[in-house]
Amino acid sequence: MKILILNSGSSSIKFQLIEMPSEKVIGKGLIEKIGLPDASITVKNSEGHKEIIRLTIPDHTKGIEFLLSIITDEKLNILSSLDDLSAVGHRLVHGGSTFSKSVLINDDVMHGITSCIELAPLHNPANIKGVEAIEKAIGNIPQVAVFDTAFHHTIPEQRAVYALPISFFKKYGLRKYGFHGTSHQYVSTRAKELYGEDRTNKMITCHLGNGSSLAAIEDGKSIETSMGFSPTDGLMMGTRCGSIDPGVIPFIADHEDLDVKGISDLINKESGLYGVSGVSSDYRDVSIAASKGNEDADLALRMFHYDVKKYIGTYMATLGGVETIIFTGGIGENAINARKEILKGLEGLGIKLDPAKNEATMGEEAVISADDSPVRVAVIPTNEEVMIARDTYNLAK
């Protein structure tokens, strides 16, 4: 069964074609700058042949049409025809309280996804465009929605509900939802595949990138995560502030004369590594600036490392101890110094990093803890597309 995986953004569409159940990637690529004059489609087949085509892509529907024509192009050798395509799996950012697992898309599901737009106004509308574009281009092919929030539905109510008037929870669903669920689920599942039952019942997964979150996972279920009602909560990130004193918001609004949109832009787009360093939202750029003596960049790095360390300690208490800690995401998989600084000083909690293993590991599966470390520390590259393909395969077949 050949499955197309789509991750539709406001002006982009990431895609992969995966053959199931072998999980072989037979094609992948990216549509960029939808609606702009310099739009492009990049596609790569399983042999490594790559094509970049620049053309006008006015909307998602036209982008999907171009995508389907390219993946059936003879010279790319991905699909011989659209008849070879069995199903389409979509990454949906927010399923609200409605969706606790992946589902086959029908009219009722689309209504439910649409009702969640107010919870993810920047993401769900773009995700919906991808579903509608496929329906228009192909017709009655099975489509599956895989929700970023679904994995965290197992978080107990006392950890998910905010200490605000309970009416806000009952009327608006105002609670912790958590995000990056597909990534946390993949790496925790992969750890079970790699290590079996050896120290995999209590895990902390660290998805660190431009957007970052941690999850506490017990017996394969998420019981706590750092992102909350929105992806702004929790860790300091590339441009997001993470958890701050709520009293800061009215203070800044008053002194800087900011309205709701101004505050939203401040905490989502102007803060985090970028806001503190004044250099960049990219961890690599901030690291370079810090190495050259930029004190604000150095402060930003120290804040980020401390934030992750703090949540690891918190989740060890939540779990009653941890057996395995997993690093994933762009920073988690590749930033050697970040892992070292985050774990520094945690030896008394049974977390002992092997410096040589850590230095030798970038973007690959590896254990980086010392052989005698009571807690295993591992790097496992995330693969959200495979997780989406698995759910799509199981539902569509």
Protein backbone atom coordinates (compact mmCIF):
# COMPACT_ATOMS: atom_id res chain seq x y z
CA MET A 1 0.00 0.00 0.00
CA LYS A 2 1.44 3.37 -1.07
CA ILE A 3 0.47 6.27 1.18
CA LEU A 4 0.92 10.00 0.65
CA ILE A 5 1.70 11.95 3.83
CA LEU A 6 0.88 15.66 3.81
CA ASN A 7 1.82 18.39 6.27
CA SER A 8 0.06 21.49 4.98
CA GLY A 9 1.17 24.89 6.25
CA SER A 10 -0.17 28.34 5.46
CA SER A 11 2.18 28.74 2.47
CA SER A 12 3.83 25.35 2.18
CA ILE A 13 3.12 21.62 1.86
CA LYS A 14 5.64 19.02 3.04
CA PHE A 15 5.04 15.56 1.62
CA GLN A 16 6.33 12.00 1.68
CA LEU A 17 5.29 8.87 -0.16
CA ILE A 18 5.71 5.79 2.00
CA GLU A 19 5.21 2.17 1.02
CA MET A 20 3.49 0.21 3.77
CA PRO A 21 3.93 -1.95 5.71
CA SER A 22 7.66 -1.91 4.80
CA GLU A 23 7.80 1.83 5.69
CA LYS A 24 10.07 2.49 2.71
CA VAL A 25 10.16 6.14 1.62
CA ILE A 26 9.75 6.18 -2.15
CA GLY A 27 9.52 9.94 -2.58
CA LYS A 28 9.46 13.17 -0.61
CA GLY A 29 9.59 16.90 -1.07
CA LEU A 30 8.31 20.36 -0.33
CA ILE A 31 6.07 22.94 -1.95
CA GLU A 32 7.11 26.44 -0.87
CA LYS A 33 5.80 29.98 -1.12
CA ILE A 34 2.25 29.14 -2.16
CA GLY A 35 0.53 32.32 -3.36
CA LEU A 36 3.82 34.10 -4.11
CA PRO A 37 5.40 34.64 -7.55
CA ASP A 38 8.56 32.63 -6.73
CA ALA A 39 6.83 29.41 -5.60
CA SER A 40 8.58 26.08 -6.12
CA ILE A 41 8.22 22.34 -5.77
CA THR A 42 11.18 20.21 -4.69
CA VAL A 43 10.82 16.44 -5.05
CA LYS A 44 13.29 13.60 -4.49
CA ASN A 45 12.86 9.91 -5.29
CA SER A 46 14.23 6.86 -3.45
CA GLU A 47 17.32 6.75 -5.70
CA GLY A 48 18.26 10.29 -4.69
CA HIS A 49 17.24 11.97 -7.96
CA LYS A 50 16.06 15.48 -7.19
CA GLU A 51 13.99 17.96 -9.16
CA ILE A 52 13.31 21.63 -8.30
CA ILE A 53 10.57 23.23 -10.35
CA ARG A 54 9.73 26.92 -10.06
CA LEU A 55 6.24 27.95 -11.11
CA THR A 56 3.18 29.91 -10.05
CA ILE A 57 1.15 28.14 -7.34
CA PRO A 58 -1.79 30.40 -6.43
CA ASP A 59 -3.35 28.15 -3.77
CA HIS A 60 -3.22 24.73 -2.07
CA THR A 61 -5.55 23.13 -4.62
CA LYS A 62 -3.24 24.01 -7.48
CA GLY A 63 -0.24 22.97 -5.39
CA ILE A 64 -1.73 19.51 -4.82
CA GLU A 65 -2.52 19.21 -8.54
CA PHE A 66 1.11 19.97 -9.41
CA LEU A 67 2.32 17.58 -6.71
CA LEU A 68 0.22 14.71 -8.04
CA SER A 69 1.42 15.31 -11.59
CA ILE A 70 5.07 15.37 -10.50
CA ILE A 71 5.00 12.19 -8.41
CA THR A 72 3.54 10.35 -11.41
CA ASP A 73 6.18 11.72 -13.80
CA GLU A 74 7.96 8.79 -15.49
CA LYS A 75 11.48 10.17 -15.06
CA LEU A 76 11.11 10.36 -11.26
CA ASN A 77 9.94 6.75 -10.99
CA ILE A 78 7.85 7.26 -7.85
CA LEU A 79 4.33 6.26 -8.91
CA SER A 80 3.33 4.85 -12.28
CA SER A 81 -0.14 6.39 -11.86
CA LEU A 82 -2.47 7.76 -9.20
CA ASP A 83 -4.17 4.36 -9.14
CA ASP A 84 -1.12 3.16 -7.17
CA LEU A 85 -1.96 5.57 -4.37
CA SER A 86 -4.07 3.87 -1.69
CA ALA A 87 -4.58 6.57 0.97
CA VAL A 88 -3.53 10.01 2.17
CA GLY A 89 -2.51 10.79 5.76
CA HIS A 90 -2.64 14.37 7.06
CA ARG A 91 -0.91 15.99 9.99
CA LEU A 92 -3.55 17.96 11.87
CA VAL A 93 -2.21 20.23 14.60
CA HIS A 94 -5.24 20.43 16.89
CA GLY A 95 -7.98 17.93 17.62
CA GLY A 96 -9.24 19.68 20.74
CA SER A 97 -11.21 17.55 23.16
CA THR A 98 -12.98 15.84 20.28
CA PHE A 99 -10.22 13.67 18.82
CA SER A 100 -8.16 11.41 21.09
CA LYS A 101 -6.85 9.26 18.22
CA SER A 102 -6.36 9.26 14.47
CA VAL A 103 -9.53 8.95 12.38
CA LEU A 104 -10.73 8.33 8.84
CA ILE A 105 -11.93 11.66 7.50
CA ASN A 106 -15.63 12.06 6.67
CA ASP A 107 -18.08 14.96 6.86
CA ASP A 108 -18.53 14.65 10.62
CA VAL A 109 -14.76 14.60 11.16
CA MET A 110 -14.31 17.66 8.96
CA HIS A 111 -16.96 19.45 11.01
CA GLY A 112 -15.06 18.53 14.18
CA ILE A 113 -11.73 19.72 12.75
CA THR A 114 -13.33 22.98 11.65
CA SER A 115 -14.70 23.50 15.17
CA CYS A 116 -11.11 23.37 16.46
CA ILE A 117 -9.97 26.29 14.28
CA GLU A 118 -10.30 28.76 17.16
CA LEU A 119 -7.84 26.59 19.14
CA ALA A 120 -5.25 26.65 16.32
CA PRO A 121 -6.15 29.56 14.02
CA LEU A 122 -2.76 29.57 12.29
CA HIS A 123 -2.54 25.81 11.66
CA ASN A 124 -5.88 24.05 11.32
CA PRO A 125 -7.15 26.16 8.38
CA ALA A 126 -4.03 25.27 6.38
CA ASN A 127 -4.36 21.60 7.35
CA ILE A 128 -7.99 21.66 6.18
CA LYS A 129 -6.94 23.13 2.82
CA GLY A 130 -4.76 20.08 2.26
CA VAL A 131 -7.67 17.70 2.88
CA GLU A 132 -9.98 19.67 0.59
CA ALA A 133 -7.36 19.89 -2.15
CA ILE A 134 -6.89 16.10 -2.18
CA GLU A 135 -10.65 15.54 -2.28
CA LYS A 136 -10.95 17.89 -5.24
CA ALA A 137 -7.98 16.40 -7.11
CA ILE A 138 -8.51 12.67 -6.51
CA GLY A 139 -12.02 12.22 -5.18
CA ASN A 140 -12.99 9.33 -2.97
CA ILE A 141 -9.55 8.18 -1.78
CA PRO A 142 -9.37 7.34 1.96
CA GLN A 143 -7.93 10.24 3.96
CA VAL A 144 -6.82 10.02 7.58
CA ALA A 145 -6.33 12.80 10.13
CA VAL A 146 -3.48 12.33 12.61
CA PHE A 147 -3.58 14.90 15.42
CA ASP A 148 -0.57 16.41 17.20
CA THR A 149 -2.66 16.71 20.35
CA ALA A 150 -4.08 13.16 20.41
CA PHE A 151 -1.16 11.44 22.17
CA HIS A 152 -1.53 13.74 25.18
CA HIS A 153 -5.21 12.93 25.84
CA THR A 154 -4.04 10.48 28.51
CA ILE A 155 -2.75 13.29 30.75
CA PRO A 156 -4.79 13.12 34.00
CA GLU A 157 -7.35 15.86 34.51
CA GLN A 158 -5.63 17.34 37.57
CA ARG A 159 -2.57 18.06 35.41
CA ALA A 160 -4.51 19.36 32.43
CA VAL A 161 -7.07 21.78 33.90
CA TYR A 162 -5.93 25.32 34.73
CA ALA A 163 -6.62 26.95 38.11
CA LEU A 164 -9.04 29.42 36.53
CA PRO A 165 -12.81 29.48 37.07
CA ILE A 166 -13.98 25.99 36.09
CA SER A 167 -16.56 27.58 33.76
CA PHE A 168 -13.76 28.40 31.29
CA PHE A 169 -12.88 24.72 31.06
CA LYS A 170 -16.51 23.67 30.68
CA LYS A 171 -17.50 26.38 28.20
CA TYR A 172 -14.37 26.74 26.07
CA GLY A 173 -12.34 23.61 26.67
CA LEU A 174 -9.64 25.80 28.21
CA ARG A 175 -7.09 23.19 29.33
CA LYS A 176 -3.66 21.78 28.54
CA TYR A 177 -3.67 19.95 25.21
CA GLY A 178 0.03 19.55 24.45
CA PHE A 179 1.64 19.32 21.02
CA HIS A 180 4.40 17.42 19.19
CA GLY A 181 2.43 14.32 20.20
CA THR A 182 3.26 12.41 17.02
CA SER A 183 6.98 12.96 17.62
CA HIS A 184 6.84 12.02 21.31
CA GLN A 185 4.86 8.91 20.43
CA TYR A 186 7.28 7.89 17.67
CA VAL A 187 10.50 8.17 19.69
CA SER A 188 9.00 6.48 22.75
CA THR A 189 7.68 3.65 20.55
CA ARG A 190 11.05 3.40 18.81
CA ALA A 191 12.79 3.12 22.19
CA LYS A 192 10.59 0.10 22.96
CA GLU A 193 11.59 -1.43 19.63
CA LEU A 194 15.28 -0.81 20.32
CA TYR A 195 15.50 -1.72 24.00
CA GLY A 196 12.45 -3.90 24.68
CA GLU A 197 11.30 -3.79 28.29
CA ASP A 198 14.74 -2.72 29.53
CA ARG A 199 14.21 0.65 31.23
CA THR A 200 11.42 1.82 28.91
CA ASN A 201 8.43 1.98 31.25
CA LYS A 202 9.26 5.48 32.54
CA MET A 203 10.66 7.81 29.89
CA ILE A 204 11.18 11.53 29.36
CA THR A 205 11.20 12.56 25.71
CA CYS A 206 12.81 15.88 24.78
CA HIS A 207 11.71 17.25 21.41
CA LEU A 208 14.04 20.23 21.02
CA GLY A 209 13.98 22.45 17.95
CA ASN A 210 12.64 25.83 16.94
CA GLY A 211 9.55 24.62 18.77
CA SER A 212 10.37 22.53 21.83
CA SER A 213 8.51 20.38 24.33
CA LEU A 214 9.10 17.58 26.83
CA ALA A 215 6.79 14.71 27.72
CA ALA A 216 6.67 12.32 30.64
CA ILE A 217 5.69 8.88 29.36
CA GLU A 218 4.67 5.96 31.55
CA ASP A 219 3.86 2.54 30.08
CA GLY A 220 3.66 4.10 26.61
CA LYS A 221 1.22 6.85 27.61
CA SER A 222 1.79 10.57 27.97
CA ILE A 223 1.05 11.65 31.54
CA GLU A 224 2.48 15.19 31.33
CA THR A 225 3.88 17.55 28.72
CA SER A 226 5.33 21.05 28.73
CA MET A 227 3.22 22.71 26.03
CA GLY A 228 -0.26 23.64 27.18
CA PHE A 229 -3.41 25.19 25.72
CA SER A 230 -1.17 26.61 23.02
CA PRO A 231 2.36 25.82 21.75
CA THR A 232 3.58 28.99 23.50
CA ASP A 233 3.67 27.35 26.94
CA GLY A 234 6.51 25.41 28.52
CA LEU A 235 10.08 25.70 27.32
CA MET A 236 11.71 28.82 25.97
CA MET A 237 11.89 28.25 22.18
CA GLY A 238 13.13 29.88 19.00
CA THR A 239 10.71 32.83 19.11
CA ARG A 240 8.23 31.74 21.82
CA CYS A 241 8.69 32.88 25.40
CA GLY A 242 7.51 29.66 27.09
CA SER A 243 6.13 29.78 30.64
CA ILE A 244 6.21 33.24 32.21
CA ASP A 245 4.48 34.96 35.12
CA PRO A 246 0.94 35.74 33.84
CA GLY A 247 1.23 39.13 35.55
CA VAL A 248 3.84 40.14 32.99
CA ILE A 249 1.17 40.26 30.24
CA PRO A 250 -1.01 43.12 31.58
CA PHE A 251 2.13 44.98 32.73
CA ILE A 252 3.67 44.94 29.23
CA ALA A 253 0.32 45.67 27.56
CA ASP A 254 -0.08 48.74 29.75
CA HIS A 255 3.49 50.07 29.46
CA GLU A 256 3.98 49.29 25.75
CA ASP A 257 0.39 50.08 24.70
CA LEU A 258 -0.11 46.66 23.11
CA ASP A 259 -3.46 45.17 22.11
CA VAL A 260 -4.23 41.43 22.08
CA LYS A 261 -2.58 40.91 18.69
CA GLY A 262 0.47 42.85 19.82
CA ILE A 263 0.82 40.65 22.89
CA SER A 264 0.32 37.52 20.79
CA ASP A 265 3.04 38.59 18.36
CA LEU A 266 5.34 39.43 21.27
CA ILE A 267 5.09 36.06 23.01
CA ASN A 268 4.98 33.96 19.82
CA LYS A 269 7.24 35.73 17.33
CA GLU A 270 9.54 38.14 19.17
CA SER A 271 10.66 36.25 22.28
CA GLY A 272 12.61 33.08 23.10
CA LEU A 273 16.17 32.67 21.81
CA TYR A 274 15.56 35.47 19.33
CA GLY A 275 14.19 37.93 21.86
CA VAL A 276 16.89 37.37 24.47
CA SER A 277 19.88 37.07 22.14
CA GLY A 278 18.82 39.75 19.67
CA VAL A 279 20.62 37.62 17.09
CA SER A 280 18.49 34.77 15.77
CA SER A 281 15.86 32.16 16.60
CA ASP A 282 18.25 29.46 15.38
CA TYR A 283 20.18 27.70 18.13
CA ARG A 284 23.23 27.37 15.85
CA ASP A 285 23.41 31.09 15.12
CA VAL A 286 22.98 31.96 18.79
CA SER A 287 25.75 29.50 19.71
CA ILE A 288 28.14 31.10 17.22
CA ALA A 289 27.35 34.57 18.55
CA ALA A 290 27.91 33.38 22.14
CA SER A 291 31.28 31.87 21.19
CA LYS A 292 32.31 35.30 19.88
CA GLY A 293 31.55 36.99 23.19
CA ASN A 294 27.94 38.11 22.73
CA GLU A 295 26.70 38.16 26.32
CA ASP A 296 23.00 38.26 25.43
CA ALA A 297 23.42 35.20 23.21
CA ASP A 298 25.25 33.41 26.00
CA LEU A 299 22.44 34.26 28.41
CA ALA A 300 19.86 32.93 25.93
CA LEU A 301 21.67 29.59 25.71
CA ARG A 302 22.00 29.29 29.48
CA MET A 303 18.31 30.03 29.89
CA PHE A 304 17.35 27.39 27.34
CA HIS A 305 19.59 24.71 28.87
CA TYR A 306 18.25 25.46 32.34
CA ASP A 307 14.65 25.31 31.14
CA VAL A 308 15.08 21.79 29.76
CA LYS A 309 16.98 20.68 32.89
CA LYS A 310 14.18 22.06 35.09
CA TYR A 311 11.51 20.11 33.23
CA ILE A 312 13.56 16.91 33.36
CA GLY A 313 13.71 17.25 37.14
CA THR A 314 10.01 18.01 37.36
CA TYR A 315 9.07 15.01 35.23
CA MET A 316 11.31 12.72 37.25
CA ALA A 317 9.13 13.65 40.21
CA THR A 318 5.95 13.19 38.15
CA LEU A 319 7.05 9.71 37.07
CA GLY A 320 8.55 8.74 40.42
CA GLY A 321 11.92 8.31 38.70
CA VAL A 322 13.02 7.93 35.09
CA GLU A 323 14.57 4.99 33.24
CA THR A 324 15.30 6.50 29.81
CA ILE A 325 15.70 10.07 28.55
CA ILE A 326 15.41 10.62 24.80
CA PHE A 327 16.65 13.62 22.81
CA THR A 328 15.07 14.32 19.43
CA GLY A 329 14.29 17.26 17.11
CA GLY A 330 16.83 19.48 15.35
CA ILE A 331 18.57 20.60 18.54
CA GLY A 332 18.12 17.35 20.44
CA GLU A 333 19.56 15.25 17.64
CA ASN A 334 22.43 17.50 16.58
CA ALA A 335 23.44 20.00 19.27
CA ILE A 336 26.15 18.15 21.17
CA ASN A 337 26.81 21.02 23.56
CA ALA A 338 23.11 21.47 24.35
CA ARG A 339 22.81 17.87 25.53
CA LYS A 340 25.98 18.22 27.61
CA GLU A 341 24.86 21.44 29.29
CA ILE A 342 21.31 20.21 29.91
CA LEU A 343 22.51 17.04 31.68
CA LYS A 344 25.41 18.65 33.55
CA GLY A 345 24.95 18.32 37.32
CA LEU A 346 22.33 15.58 37.13
CA GLU A 347 24.75 12.77 38.04
CA GLY A 348 23.28 12.65 41.56
CA LEU A 349 19.95 11.70 39.96
CA GLY A 350 21.51 8.74 38.16
CA ILE A 351 22.06 10.52 34.83
CA LYS A 352 25.65 10.07 33.65
CA LEU A 353 26.59 11.25 30.17
CA ASP A 354 29.46 9.59 28.29
CA PRO A 355 31.31 12.60 26.76
CA ALA A 356 32.87 10.55 23.94
CA LYS A 357 29.56 8.97 22.92
CA ASN A 358 27.85 12.36 23.06
CA GLU A 359 30.53 14.01 20.89
CA ALA A 360 30.24 11.24 18.31
CA THR A 361 26.45 11.42 17.95
CA MET A 362 24.68 13.72 15.51
CA GLY A 363 21.39 12.87 13.83
CA GLU A 364 21.55 9.13 14.46
CA GLU A 365 20.20 6.57 16.88
CA ALA A 366 22.66 6.09 19.73
CA VAL A 367 22.93 5.66 23.48
CA ILE A 368 25.05 8.51 24.86
CA SER A 369 24.96 7.70 28.58
CA ALA A 370 27.83 6.02 30.40
CA ASP A 371 27.75 2.23 30.58
CA ASP A 372 27.20 2.38 34.35
CA SER A 373 24.54 5.10 34.22
CA PRO A 374 21.36 4.00 36.03
CA VAL A 375 19.37 6.16 33.59
CA ARG A 376 19.79 5.51 29.88
CA VAL A 377 20.18 8.63 27.72
CA ALA A 378 19.57 8.16 24.00
CA VAL A 379 19.32 10.14 20.79
CA ILE A 380 16.52 8.97 18.49
CA PRO A 381 15.78 11.03 15.36
CA THR A 382 12.07 11.69 15.11
CA ASN A 383 9.99 10.44 12.18
CA GLU A 384 6.51 11.88 12.39
CA GLU A 385 5.77 10.88 8.79
CA VAL A 386 6.21 7.18 9.56
CA MET A 387 3.93 7.52 12.59
CA ILE A 388 1.28 9.16 10.38
CA ALA A 389 1.79 6.43 7.75
CA ARG A 390 1.26 3.69 10.35
CA ASP A 391 -2.04 5.14 11.54
CA THR A 392 -3.17 5.81 7.96
CA TYR A 393 -2.30 2.26 6.92
CA ASN A 394 -4.11 0.68 9.86
CA LEU A 395 -7.25 2.74 9.33
CA ALA A 396 -7.35 2.71 5.50
CA LYS A 397 -6.75 -1.00 5.01
